[in-house]
Protein backbone atom coordinates (compact mmCIF):
# COMPACT_ATOMS: atom_id res chain seq x y z
CA MET A 1 0.30 -0.09 0.24
CA THR A 2 1.43 3.40 -1.02
CA TYR A 3 0.79 6.80 0.74
CA ALA A 4 2.03 10.08 1.15
CA ILE A 5 2.06 12.83 3.99
CA ILE A 6 0.94 16.06 2.13
CA GLU A 7 0.52 19.66 3.65
CA THR A 8 -2.20 21.94 1.84
CA GLY A 9 -4.46 25.06 3.34
CA GLY A 10 -2.42 24.74 6.59
CA LYS A 11 -3.08 21.08 7.42
CA GLN A 12 -1.69 17.98 6.90
CA LEU A 13 -3.29 15.21 4.99
CA ARG A 14 -2.49 11.65 4.38
CA VAL A 15 -3.71 10.37 0.89
CA GLU A 16 -3.31 7.41 -1.53
CA PRO A 17 -3.84 7.45 -5.20
CA GLY A 18 -7.15 6.48 -6.42
CA ARG A 19 -9.03 8.62 -4.02
CA PHE A 20 -10.77 12.04 -3.20
CA TYR A 21 -9.81 14.23 -0.80
CA ASP A 22 -11.22 17.58 0.27
CA ILE A 23 -9.17 20.39 0.97
CA GLU A 24 -8.84 23.78 1.68
CA LEU A 25 -10.36 26.31 -1.97
CA LEU A 26 -7.67 26.01 -4.68
CA THR A 27 -7.20 28.66 -7.55
CA ALA A 28 -7.58 25.92 -9.92
CA GLU A 29 -10.68 25.75 -12.29
CA PRO A 30 -12.20 21.97 -12.37
CA ASP A 31 -10.81 19.63 -14.52
CA GLU A 32 -7.63 20.94 -14.16
CA LYS A 33 -4.24 18.72 -13.14
CA VAL A 34 -2.94 20.16 -9.55
CA THR A 35 0.68 19.30 -8.27
CA ILE A 36 1.49 19.32 -4.50
CA ASP A 37 5.35 19.41 -3.97
CA ALA A 38 5.06 19.60 -0.48
CA VAL A 39 4.88 16.32 0.38
CA LEU A 40 6.38 15.25 4.21
CA LEU A 41 6.39 11.62 4.14
CA VAL A 42 5.65 9.25 1.53
CA GLN A 43 5.40 5.11 1.72
CA HIS A 44 5.63 2.60 -0.97
CA ASP A 45 6.38 -1.77 -0.31
CA ASP A 46 7.96 -1.11 3.16
CA GLU A 47 10.27 1.85 2.43
CA ILE A 48 9.79 4.89 4.05
CA ASN A 49 10.74 8.41 2.89
CA ILE A 50 10.30 11.04 5.72
CA GLY A 51 11.22 14.72 4.83
CA GLN A 52 13.30 16.66 7.05
CA PRO A 53 10.80 18.71 6.62
CA LEU A 54 10.26 17.71 2.97
CA VAL A 55 10.87 14.95 0.81
CA SER A 56 13.63 16.38 -2.45
CA GLY A 57 11.95 15.12 -4.98
CA ALA A 58 8.95 13.96 -4.10
CA THR A 59 5.43 15.17 -5.61
CA VAL A 60 1.49 14.42 -5.83
CA GLN A 61 -0.23 15.02 -8.52
CA GLY A 62 -4.22 15.74 -8.54
CA THR A 63 -6.81 16.80 -10.57
CA VAL A 64 -9.93 19.51 -9.25
CA MET A 65 -13.27 17.51 -9.65
CA ARG A 66 -15.22 20.34 -8.35
CA HIS A 67 -15.54 23.28 -5.78
CA LEU A 68 -18.22 22.74 -3.40
CA ARG A 69 -19.02 25.07 0.51
CA GLY A 70 -18.41 22.98 3.65
CA ARG A 71 -21.15 22.22 6.74
CA LYS A 72 -22.93 25.27 8.07
CA VAL A 73 -20.53 25.74 11.22
CA LEU A 74 -23.04 28.01 13.96
CA VAL A 75 -21.14 30.48 16.41
CA TYR A 76 -23.22 31.25 19.85
CA LYS A 77 -22.25 33.78 21.87
CA MET A 78 -23.99 34.83 24.71
CA LYS A 79 -23.33 37.28 27.94
CA PRO A 80 -25.45 36.06 30.85
CA LYS A 81 -27.70 38.02 32.11
CA LYS A 82 -27.15 40.86 30.12
CA LYS A 83 -29.10 40.35 27.36
CA THR A 84 -26.61 39.93 24.78
CA ARG A 85 -26.47 37.22 22.22
CA LYS A 86 -25.03 36.67 18.96
CA LYS A 87 -25.68 33.69 16.54
CA ARG A 88 -23.18 33.90 13.32
CA GLY A 89 -22.88 30.95 10.85
CA HIS A 90 -20.01 30.32 8.76
CA ARG A 91 -19.48 27.92 5.04
CA GLN A 92 -16.04 26.81 4.54
CA GLU A 93 -15.11 27.33 0.95
CA ILE A 94 -13.25 23.83 -0.32
CA THR A 95 -12.02 21.93 -3.28
CA ARG A 96 -12.72 17.93 -4.05
CA LEU A 97 -9.49 16.81 -5.39
CA MET A 98 -8.82 13.46 -7.26
CA ILE A 99 -5.33 11.96 -6.41
CA ASP A 100 -3.54 10.65 -9.14
CA SER A 101 -0.30 9.69 -8.78
CA ILE A 102 2.47 9.74 -5.90
CA THR A 103 6.22 10.75 -8.29
CA ILE A 104 9.53 10.75 -6.27
CA ASN A 105 12.66 11.70 -8.33
CA GLY A 106 10.35 11.29 -11.53
CA THR A 107 9.61 8.29 -10.58
CA VAL A 108 5.97 7.35 -10.51
CA LEU A 109 5.25 5.06 -7.80
CA THR A 110 1.77 4.77 -7.99
CA ALA A 111 -1.06 5.20 -10.69
CA PRO A 112 -4.45 5.05 -9.69
CA ALA A 113 -5.45 1.24 -9.10
CA VAL A 114 -9.00 2.10 -11.75
CA ALA A 115 -7.09 2.36 -14.94
CA ALA A 116 -5.20 -0.89 -13.70
CA ALA A 117 -8.49 -2.64 -13.20
CA ALA A 118 -10.11 -1.84 -15.93
CA PRO A 119 -8.06 -4.23 -18.89
CA ALA A 120 -8.10 -6.83 -16.52
CA ALA A 121 -12.28 -6.21 -16.83
CA GLU A 122 -11.90 -6.62 -20.07
CA THR A 123 -9.82 -9.80 -20.30
CA ALA A 124 -12.51 -11.97 -17.99
CA ALA A 125 -15.74 -10.21 -20.07
CA GLU A 126 -13.85 -11.82 -23.32
């Protein structure tokens, strides 16, 4: 199993190829390719590369699926005995990102498992 830990939007996230993740809003259009260079750790076939702070030459490629808004968070402030109440809401802008591959020093460690499973399904149908 191959995965990477990346940093995006001020948060660290464990990502695997072929899965999508909701991250902070990116300035990319839907169906546009995105490359993330802030890779903190890469694990592939019992080999672990840990960066200090980043793994040199490691990148994660992904495709922006769409932009959406997160769930509403309500913030309610009240001062007892003062008749003071404030109710506010917030919805975070997020981007849904599909992880395509993890690359280290120009070598693609993983490609999406969906592409590998499609030819196997075709041969089984024959």
